[in-house]
Amino acid sequence: MTVRALVFDVFGTLVDWRSGIAREAARLLAPVAPNLDAGAFADAWRARYNPSMETVRSGARPFVDLDTLQAESLPDVLAQFGIAGVAEDVQRELVQAWHRLDAWPEVPDALRRLREKHLLAPNSNGHVRLMADLARRNGLIFDAVLGAGYSRDYKPKPALYRDAIAAFGFAAGETMMVAAHSNDLAAAASHGLSTAHIARPHEHGPAGGETAPTVPVTYAARDLADLADQLGC
């Protein structure tokens, strides 16, 4: 079946969250934590990502966007590192750091190539404004913004995959989930989507990242440019 639309995980797949958060944490927290291990700080904040989303996925609370969840988890991360006295405006600016992440080097050009033959949209846990800011910062062009803000839930809940299929109106197999995370791809495949794994061996810095999928996928690529090559773009 011909793939006609590509929907993308964003954090880790299209953008380098760890380097960006470490950079911004080092800059913004320098007055109160000049010796901060900024990479460890980024890792610790990211470790609260799934538990915070689970409060929505479980139905324990109504949908709130990722900025809200990041703002709620930030004080615990600061406390974990013994950082006190961070002004509220600095904390707000730290949350906005998630809007200032850089794309992996090959991504902007690869997306332009892929868009010549496919409709493209993020299918991320990030909300619409967050996706718009990352796209504008990195010159990423999409045909729609799908994901948590559109489906009012968080991956791997079924709504995000079913809505991605319905949004463009193609058959499930004509819509392909593109991600650097095998669990995301397994969930997508369970709803009939085609899948493409993008290797991101440096996603977690020294802790590495997935170099190959751990589940069956339609395509496995070294990076997004390799996927464009495989799809004839």
Protein backbone atom coordinates (compact mmCIF):
# COMPACT_ATOMS: atom_id res chain seq x y z
CA MET A 1 0.00 0.00 0.00
CA THR A 2 1.36 3.42 -0.94
CA VAL A 3 2.12 5.74 1.97
CA ARG A 4 0.42 9.09 1.43
CA ALA A 5 0.77 10.85 4.79
CA LEU A 6 3.53 10.91 7.40
CA VAL A 7 2.87 11.83 11.02
CA PHE A 8 5.82 12.43 13.32
CA ASP A 9 6.83 12.07 16.89
CA VAL A 10 8.73 15.29 17.60
CA PHE A 11 10.72 15.19 20.87
CA GLY A 12 13.72 13.01 20.13
CA THR A 13 12.68 12.18 16.58
CA LEU A 14 12.69 15.62 14.93
CA VAL A 15 14.26 17.77 17.65
CA ASP A 16 17.10 17.27 20.14
CA TRP A 17 15.32 17.94 23.43
CA ARG A 18 18.25 17.08 25.72
CA SER A 19 20.79 19.51 24.29
CA GLY A 20 18.24 22.31 24.10
CA ILE A 21 16.98 21.94 27.65
CA ALA A 22 20.52 21.60 28.99
CA ARG A 23 21.59 24.76 27.15
CA GLU A 24 18.66 26.80 28.42
CA ALA A 25 18.89 25.45 31.99
CA ALA A 26 22.58 26.33 32.15
CA ARG A 27 21.85 29.85 30.91
CA LEU A 28 18.79 30.61 33.00
CA LEU A 29 19.94 28.99 36.23
CA ALA A 30 23.53 30.26 36.15
CA PRO A 31 22.92 32.96 38.82
CA VAL A 32 21.66 30.42 41.39
CA ALA A 33 23.35 27.20 40.22
CA PRO A 34 26.63 28.08 38.46
CA ASN A 35 27.92 24.50 38.69
CA LEU A 36 24.73 22.82 37.47
CA ASP A 37 25.09 19.54 35.60
CA ALA A 38 22.73 20.77 32.90
CA GLY A 39 22.53 17.46 31.07
CA ALA A 40 21.49 15.67 34.24
CA PHE A 41 18.94 18.41 34.87
CA ALA A 42 17.44 17.86 31.42
CA ASP A 43 17.31 14.11 32.03
CA ALA A 44 15.61 14.56 35.39
CA TRP A 45 12.97 16.86 33.95
CA ARG A 46 12.32 14.50 31.07
CA ALA A 47 11.95 11.63 33.57
CA ARG A 48 8.85 13.39 34.90
CA TYR A 49 7.34 13.63 31.41
CA ASN A 50 5.47 10.32 31.33
CA PRO A 51 4.31 10.30 34.95
CA SER A 52 2.82 13.77 34.49
CA MET A 53 1.02 12.75 31.28
CA GLU A 54 -0.30 9.64 32.99
CA THR A 55 -2.49 11.84 35.20
CA VAL A 56 -4.38 12.78 32.03
CA ARG A 57 -4.17 9.39 30.30
CA SER A 58 -5.62 7.68 33.36
CA GLY A 59 -8.58 10.04 33.53
CA ALA A 60 -7.52 11.37 36.93
CA ARG A 61 -7.71 14.92 35.55
CA PRO A 62 -9.02 16.66 32.43
CA PHE A 63 -6.66 17.34 29.55
CA VAL A 64 -4.07 20.04 30.17
CA ASP A 65 -1.31 20.91 27.75
CA LEU A 66 2.36 20.00 28.03
CA ASP A 67 3.42 23.47 29.17
CA THR A 68 1.14 23.07 32.19
CA LEU A 69 2.57 19.64 33.00
CA GLN A 70 6.16 20.85 32.61
CA ALA A 71 5.48 23.85 34.84
CA GLU A 72 4.00 21.59 37.51
CA SER A 73 6.96 19.21 37.49
CA LEU A 74 9.68 21.88 37.40
CA PRO A 75 9.70 22.73 41.15
CA ASP A 76 10.42 19.10 42.03
CA VAL A 77 13.32 19.03 39.57
CA LEU A 78 14.76 22.22 41.04
CA ALA A 79 14.43 20.74 44.52
CA GLN A 80 16.12 17.53 43.39
CA PHE A 81 19.18 19.58 42.44
CA GLY A 82 19.06 21.70 45.57
CA ILE A 83 18.23 24.84 43.63
CA ALA A 84 16.25 27.46 45.52
CA GLY A 85 15.29 31.06 44.92
CA VAL A 86 14.35 30.73 41.24
CA ALA A 87 12.01 33.59 40.40
CA GLU A 88 8.64 32.79 38.88
CA ASP A 89 9.49 34.59 35.65
CA VAL A 90 12.64 32.47 35.30
CA GLN A 91 10.61 29.33 35.87
CA ARG A 92 8.17 30.42 33.17
CA GLU A 93 11.10 31.03 30.84
CA LEU A 94 12.46 27.56 31.59
CA VAL A 95 9.15 26.02 30.55
CA GLN A 96 9.38 28.01 27.33
CA ALA A 97 12.75 26.36 26.69
CA TRP A 98 10.78 23.42 25.32
CA HIS A 99 9.64 25.81 22.56
CA ARG A 100 13.27 26.65 21.63
CA LEU A 101 14.69 23.23 20.81
CA ASP A 102 16.82 22.66 17.72
CA ALA A 103 16.05 20.11 15.04
CA TRP A 104 18.51 17.33 14.33
CA PRO A 105 20.73 18.59 11.47
CA GLU A 106 19.19 16.64 8.58
CA VAL A 107 15.54 17.20 9.53
CA PRO A 108 14.57 20.47 7.78
CA ASP A 109 15.86 19.40 4.37
CA ALA A 110 14.53 15.86 4.74
CA LEU A 111 11.05 17.17 5.58
CA ARG A 112 11.11 19.36 2.48
CA ARG A 113 11.95 16.29 0.40
CA LEU A 114 9.26 14.17 2.05
CA ARG A 115 6.62 16.87 1.57
CA GLU A 116 7.01 16.69 -2.20
CA LYS A 117 5.14 13.37 -2.20
CA HIS A 118 3.41 13.19 1.18
CA LEU A 119 1.20 15.16 3.52
CA LEU A 120 3.05 15.86 6.77
CA ALA A 121 1.96 16.57 10.34
CA PRO A 122 3.41 16.27 13.83
CA ASN A 123 1.64 13.69 15.98
CA SER A 124 3.28 14.72 19.21
CA ASN A 125 2.47 15.04 22.88
CA GLY A 126 3.19 18.73 22.38
CA HIS A 127 0.27 21.11 21.85
CA VAL A 128 -0.37 23.32 18.83
CA ARG A 129 1.54 26.41 19.98
CA LEU A 130 4.53 24.30 20.98
CA MET A 131 4.59 22.61 17.56
CA ALA A 132 4.18 25.95 15.80
CA ASP A 133 7.08 27.48 17.73
CA LEU A 134 9.39 24.53 17.01
CA ALA A 135 8.41 24.58 13.34
CA ARG A 136 9.05 28.31 12.99
CA ARG A 137 12.38 28.11 14.84
CA ASN A 138 13.68 25.31 12.63
CA GLY A 139 12.01 26.04 9.28
CA LEU A 140 9.82 22.93 9.41
CA ILE A 141 6.78 23.00 7.14
CA PHE A 142 3.74 20.85 7.97
CA ASP A 143 0.33 20.50 6.34
CA ALA A 144 -1.50 20.18 9.68
CA VAL A 145 -0.78 19.96 13.39
CA LEU A 146 -2.10 16.77 14.99
CA GLY A 147 -1.30 15.16 18.32
CA ALA A 148 -2.19 15.91 21.91
CA GLY A 149 -3.70 19.33 21.31
CA TYR A 150 -5.88 17.95 18.53
CA SER A 151 -6.89 14.70 20.23
CA ARG A 152 -6.99 16.05 23.82
CA ASP A 153 -5.04 13.09 25.16
CA TYR A 154 -1.50 11.72 25.24
CA LYS A 155 0.24 8.87 23.46
CA PRO A 156 -0.10 5.93 23.46
CA LYS A 157 -3.87 6.45 23.90
CA PRO A 158 -5.77 5.28 20.79
CA ALA A 159 -7.23 8.70 19.96
CA LEU A 160 -3.91 10.06 18.77
CA TYR A 161 -3.45 7.31 16.18
CA ARG A 162 -7.06 7.08 15.11
CA ASP A 163 -7.31 10.85 14.72
CA ALA A 164 -4.13 10.87 12.64
CA ILE A 165 -5.73 8.42 10.22
CA ALA A 166 -9.04 10.29 10.11
CA ALA A 167 -7.50 13.76 9.73
CA PHE A 168 -6.20 13.15 6.22
CA GLY A 169 -8.88 10.64 5.26
CA PHE A 170 -6.52 7.95 3.98
CA ALA A 171 -6.59 4.26 4.80
CA ALA A 172 -4.74 3.37 7.98
CA GLY A 173 -1.87 1.76 6.09
CA GLU A 174 -1.51 4.84 3.89
CA THR A 175 -0.68 6.87 7.00
CA MET A 176 2.75 6.27 8.52
CA MET A 177 3.88 7.04 12.05
CA VAL A 178 7.52 8.13 12.12
CA ALA A 179 9.30 7.92 15.47
CA ALA A 180 12.56 7.17 17.23
CA HIS A 181 10.71 5.21 19.92
CA SER A 182 9.62 1.62 19.40
CA ASN A 183 6.77 1.83 21.91
CA ASP A 184 5.19 4.67 19.92
CA LEU A 185 5.49 2.65 16.72
CA ALA A 186 4.05 -0.48 18.32
CA ALA A 187 1.01 1.50 19.44
CA ALA A 188 0.60 3.02 15.97
CA ALA A 189 0.88 -0.37 14.28
CA SER A 190 -1.83 -1.77 16.56
CA HIS A 191 -4.21 0.70 14.91
CA GLY A 192 -3.13 -0.24 11.41
CA LEU A 193 -0.71 2.57 10.62
CA SER A 194 2.47 1.93 8.67
CA THR A 195 5.57 2.67 10.75
CA ALA A 196 9.06 4.06 10.28
CA HIS A 197 11.78 3.96 12.91
CA ILE A 198 14.40 6.72 12.94
CA ALA A 199 17.63 5.87 14.76
CA ARG A 200 18.61 8.54 17.31
CA PRO A 201 21.62 7.08 19.10
CA HIS A 202 22.38 10.38 20.87
CA GLU A 203 18.87 11.28 22.04
CA HIS A 204 19.71 10.76 25.72
CA GLY A 205 23.31 11.95 25.50
CA PRO A 206 25.64 9.54 27.34
CA ALA A 207 22.68 7.22 27.94
CA GLY A 208 22.28 6.81 24.19
CA GLY A 209 19.07 6.18 22.31
CA GLU A 210 17.48 3.64 20.03
CA THR A 211 19.79 2.64 17.21
CA ALA A 212 17.30 0.11 15.79
CA PRO A 213 13.65 -0.73 16.39
CA THR A 214 12.75 -3.38 18.93
CA VAL A 215 9.40 -4.09 17.23
CA PRO A 216 8.50 -4.92 13.61
CA VAL A 217 8.31 -1.79 11.45
CA THR A 218 7.59 -0.98 7.82
CA TYR A 219 10.83 1.00 7.45
CA ALA A 220 13.95 1.34 9.58
CA ALA A 221 16.15 4.34 8.78
CA ARG A 222 19.49 5.74 9.94
CA ASP A 223 17.95 9.22 10.05
CA LEU A 224 15.18 11.19 8.35
CA ALA A 225 17.22 11.72 5.19
CA ASP A 226 17.64 7.95 4.89
CA LEU A 227 13.86 7.55 5.20
CA ALA A 228 13.39 10.09 2.40
CA ASP A 229 15.79 8.06 0.27
CA GLN A 230 13.89 4.85 1.00
CA LEU A 231 10.58 6.50 0.07
CA GLY A 232 12.03 7.79 -3.21
CA CYS A 233 11.89 11.47 -2.26
